[in-house]
Every structure is written in structure tokens, then in C-alpha cells.
């Protein structure tokens, strides 16, 4: 009779070992989910680094705009099209229907 109980106990322990291994490798909080979370953390850290660089660039631009006239003048010229008194503004506009010239100088077909 004691051998039978030993066999049942052995089978029970083996079943518990299999169950625990399953939970370790495949279950919630197991290796797969931890690896997926680590990957998400790495991706978020990479995104945060990019956003930090962008914030630093914007902070530098704000500081430049606060302290220097050159940056304000550059912005006014490029974004608002402003010119200084006494300057002449020239805009070169190419016709839309112009066809590019071929290698021999004639218009391309």
C-alpha cells in the first residue's frame, strides 16, 4: 500500500511541476509578457529621447527669440515676408507651362 501512495504523490508532484512551468513560461506575468513589456519600455524610452531633443531645440529657439533681434528678424522675413525700409524685394516666378529644354537646347517632346 505505501508504494501506491508514493506513486500517487509522485504523479501529483510532476503535475504541479508541469503547471508551474507552464505559468512561468506562458502564463500571465511569465517570460513572454515580461519580454513584451521590456520591449514596450525600450520603445517608450526611445520616443522620450526624441521628444526631449525636440523640447531642448524648442527651448533654445525660445531663448534665442527672447534675447536676440537677429532671430526675430529672420522669422519676420521668412514667415511674414517682411522687408527692411529701403530694401527692394524681388520674387522670381517661373511659368508653370514651361517645358524643360533637352540636351540640344530644344524643348523636350
C-alpha atoms as a PDB file:
ATOM      1  CA  UNK A   1       0.000   0.000   0.000  1.00  0.00           C
ATOM      2  CA  UNK A   2       2.731   2.584   0.742  1.00  0.00           C
ATOM      3  CA  UNK A   3       4.132   2.162  -2.789  1.00  0.00           C
ATOM      4  CA  UNK A   4       0.776   3.130  -4.253  1.00  0.00           C
ATOM      5  CA  UNK A   5       0.707   6.370  -2.208  1.00  0.00           C
ATOM      6  CA  UNK A   6       4.261   7.095  -3.257  1.00  0.00           C
ATOM      7  CA  UNK A   7       3.278   6.708  -6.908  1.00  0.00           C
ATOM      8  CA  UNK A   8       0.248   8.985  -6.488  1.00  0.00           C
ATOM      9  CA  UNK A   9       2.397  11.564  -4.707  1.00  0.00           C
ATOM     10  CA  UNK A  10       4.992  11.381  -7.471  1.00  0.00           C
ATOM     11  CA  UNK A  11       2.343  11.896 -10.176  1.00  0.00           C
ATOM     12  CA  UNK A  12       0.836  14.777  -8.204  1.00  0.00           C
ATOM     13  CA  UNK A  13       4.232  16.459  -7.798  1.00  0.00           C
ATOM     14  CA  UNK A  14       5.007  16.007 -11.514  1.00  0.00           C
ATOM     15  CA  UNK A  15       1.634  17.578 -12.423  1.00  0.00           C
ATOM     16  CA  UNK A  16       2.341  20.532 -10.142  1.00  0.00           C
ATOM     17  CA  UNK A  17       5.784  20.953 -11.711  1.00  0.00           C
ATOM     18  CA  UNK A  18       4.271  20.997 -15.209  1.00  0.00           C
ATOM     19  CA  UNK A  19       1.633  23.530 -14.126  1.00  0.00           C
ATOM     20  CA  UNK A  20       4.231  25.812 -12.540  1.00  0.00           C
ATOM     21  CA  UNK A  21       6.464  25.606 -15.603  1.00  0.00           C
ATOM     22  CA  UNK A  22       3.526  26.462 -17.850  1.00  0.00           C
ATOM     23  CA  UNK A  23       2.717  29.529 -15.746  1.00  0.00           C
ATOM     24  CA  UNK A  24       6.383  30.552 -15.720  1.00  0.00           C
ATOM     25  CA  UNK A  25       6.865  30.399 -19.479  1.00  0.00           C
ATOM     26  CA  UNK A  26       3.419  31.039 -20.959  1.00  0.00           C
ATOM     27  CA  UNK A  27       1.120  32.401 -18.266  1.00  0.00           C
ATOM     28  CA  UNK A  28       0.277  35.957 -17.274  1.00  0.00           C
ATOM     29  CA  UNK A  29       3.349  37.595 -15.786  1.00  0.00           C
ATOM     30  CA  UNK A  30       5.520  34.923 -17.352  1.00  0.00           C
ATOM     31  CA  UNK A  31       8.576  35.308 -19.503  1.00  0.00           C
ATOM     32  CA  UNK A  32       6.685  36.236 -22.677  1.00  0.00           C
ATOM     33  CA  UNK A  33       4.735  39.050 -21.086  1.00  0.00           C
ATOM     34  CA  UNK A  34       7.835  40.350 -19.296  1.00  0.00           C
ATOM     35  CA  UNK A  35       9.758  40.390 -22.588  1.00  0.00           C
ATOM     36  CA  UNK A  36       6.888  42.224 -24.308  1.00  0.00           C
ATOM     37  CA  UNK A  37       6.771  44.796 -21.507  1.00  0.00           C
ATOM     38  CA  UNK A  38      10.544  45.289 -21.665  1.00  0.00           C
ATOM     39  CA  UNK A  39      10.261  45.919 -25.410  1.00  0.00           C
ATOM     40  CA  UNK A  40       7.494  48.477 -24.841  1.00  0.00           C
ATOM     41  CA  UNK A  41       9.611  50.203 -22.195  1.00  0.00           C
ATOM     42  CA  UNK A  42      12.567  50.391 -24.599  1.00  0.00           C
ATOM     43  CA  UNK A  43      10.347  51.829 -27.369  1.00  0.00           C
ATOM     44  CA  UNK A  44       8.893  54.402 -24.974  1.00  0.00           C
ATOM     45  CA  UNK A  45      12.373  55.395 -23.783  1.00  0.00           C
ATOM     46  CA  UNK A  46      13.442  55.884 -27.417  1.00  0.00           C
ATOM     47  CA  UNK A  47      10.373  58.026 -28.091  1.00  0.00           C
ATOM     48  CA  UNK A  48      11.014  60.021 -24.916  1.00  0.00           C
ATOM     49  CA  UNK A  49      14.584  60.714 -26.042  1.00  0.00           C
ATOM     50  CA  UNK A  50      13.318  62.094 -29.349  1.00  0.00           C
ATOM     51  CA  UNK A  51      10.755  64.271 -27.597  1.00  0.00           C
ATOM     52  CA  UNK A  52      13.400  65.526 -25.159  1.00  0.00           C
ATOM     53  CA  UNK A  53      15.619  66.565 -28.068  1.00  0.00           C
ATOM     54  CA  UNK A  54      12.677  68.351 -29.664  1.00  0.00           C
ATOM     55  CA  UNK A  55      11.887  70.132 -26.385  1.00  0.00           C
ATOM     56  CA  UNK A  56      15.514  71.164 -25.994  1.00  0.00           C
ATOM     57  CA  UNK A  57      15.551  72.588 -29.533  1.00  0.00           C
ATOM     58  CA  UNK A  58      12.326  74.494 -28.893  1.00  0.00           C
ATOM     59  CA  UNK A  59      13.659  75.835 -25.591  1.00  0.00           C
ATOM     60  CA  UNK A  60      16.817  77.031 -27.339  1.00  0.00           C
ATOM     61  CA  UNK A  61      14.718  78.712 -30.025  1.00  0.00           C
ATOM     62  CA  UNK A  62      12.562  80.434 -27.393  1.00  0.00           C
ATOM     63  CA  UNK A  63      15.672  81.653 -25.591  1.00  0.00           C
ATOM     64  CA  UNK A  64      17.115  82.907 -28.879  1.00  0.00           C
ATOM     65  CA  UNK A  65      13.887  84.733 -29.683  1.00  0.00           C
ATOM     66  CA  UNK A  66      13.855  86.323 -26.225  1.00  0.00           C
ATOM     67  CA  UNK A  67      17.444  87.516 -26.346  1.00  0.00           C
ATOM     68  CA  UNK A  68      18.318  88.337 -29.950  1.00  0.00           C
ATOM     69  CA  UNK A  69      16.940  90.571 -32.668  1.00  0.00           C
ATOM     70  CA  UNK A  70      18.502  88.507 -35.452  1.00  0.00           C
ATOM     71  CA  UNK A  71      16.218  85.548 -34.809  1.00  0.00           C
ATOM     72  CA  UNK A  72      13.142  87.790 -34.726  1.00  0.00           C
ATOM     73  CA  UNK A  73      14.225  89.454 -37.969  1.00  0.00           C
ATOM     74  CA  UNK A  74      14.839  86.090 -39.617  1.00  0.00           C
ATOM     75  CA  UNK A  75      11.385  84.846 -38.589  1.00  0.00           C
ATOM     76  CA  UNK A  76       9.714  88.034 -39.817  1.00  0.00           C
ATOM     77  CA  UNK A  77      11.457  87.753 -43.181  1.00  0.00           C
ATOM     78  CA  UNK A  78      10.823  84.040 -43.749  1.00  0.00           C
ATOM     79  CA  UNK A  79       7.341  83.591 -42.300  1.00  0.00           C
ATOM     80  CA  UNK A  80       5.755  87.007 -42.743  1.00  0.00           C
ATOM     81  CA  UNK A  81       7.565  88.189 -45.873  1.00  0.00           C
ATOM     82  CA  UNK A  82       8.640  91.451 -44.247  1.00  0.00           C
ATOM     83  CA  UNK A  83      11.464  93.596 -45.642  1.00  0.00           C
ATOM     84  CA  UNK A  84      13.527  96.434 -44.201  1.00  0.00           C
ATOM     85  CA  UNK A  85      12.870 100.027 -45.228  1.00  0.00           C
ATOM     86  CA  UNK A  86      14.901 100.863 -48.330  1.00  0.00           C
ATOM     87  CA  UNK A  87      15.208  97.235 -49.459  1.00  0.00           C
ATOM     88  CA  UNK A  88      13.751  96.066 -52.747  1.00  0.00           C
ATOM     89  CA  UNK A  89      12.000  92.723 -52.769  1.00  0.00           C
ATOM     90  CA  UNK A  90      12.323  90.579 -55.892  1.00  0.00           C
ATOM     91  CA  UNK A  91      10.368  87.401 -56.468  1.00  0.00           C
ATOM     92  CA  UNK A  92      11.329  85.119 -59.341  1.00  0.00           C
ATOM     93  CA  UNK A  93       8.367  83.176 -60.651  1.00  0.00           C
ATOM     94  CA  UNK A  94       8.825  80.542 -63.296  1.00  0.00           C
ATOM     95  CA  UNK A  95       5.898  79.873 -65.658  1.00  0.00           C
ATOM     96  CA  UNK A  96       4.047  76.666 -64.888  1.00  0.00           C
ATOM     97  CA  UNK A  97       3.697  75.569 -68.533  1.00  0.00           C
ATOM     98  CA  UNK A  98       7.423  75.835 -69.311  1.00  0.00           C
ATOM     99  CA  UNK A  99       8.849  72.573 -70.614  1.00  0.00           C
ATOM    100  CA  UNK A 100      12.413  71.708 -69.732  1.00  0.00           C
ATOM    101  CA  UNK A 101      14.955  72.005 -72.519  1.00  0.00           C
ATOM    102  CA  UNK A 102      16.501  68.881 -73.958  1.00  0.00           C
ATOM    103  CA  UNK A 103      20.241  68.278 -74.254  1.00  0.00           C
ATOM    104  CA  UNK A 104      20.468  70.093 -77.635  1.00  0.00           C
ATOM    105  CA  UNK A 105      18.653  73.201 -76.356  1.00  0.00           C
ATOM    106  CA  UNK A 106      15.294  72.381 -77.996  1.00  0.00           C
ATOM    107  CA  UNK A 107      12.176  71.848 -75.938  1.00  0.00           C
ATOM    108  CA  UNK A 108      11.700  68.251 -74.923  1.00  0.00           C
ATOM    109  CA  UNK A 109       8.809  66.474 -76.686  1.00  0.00           C
END
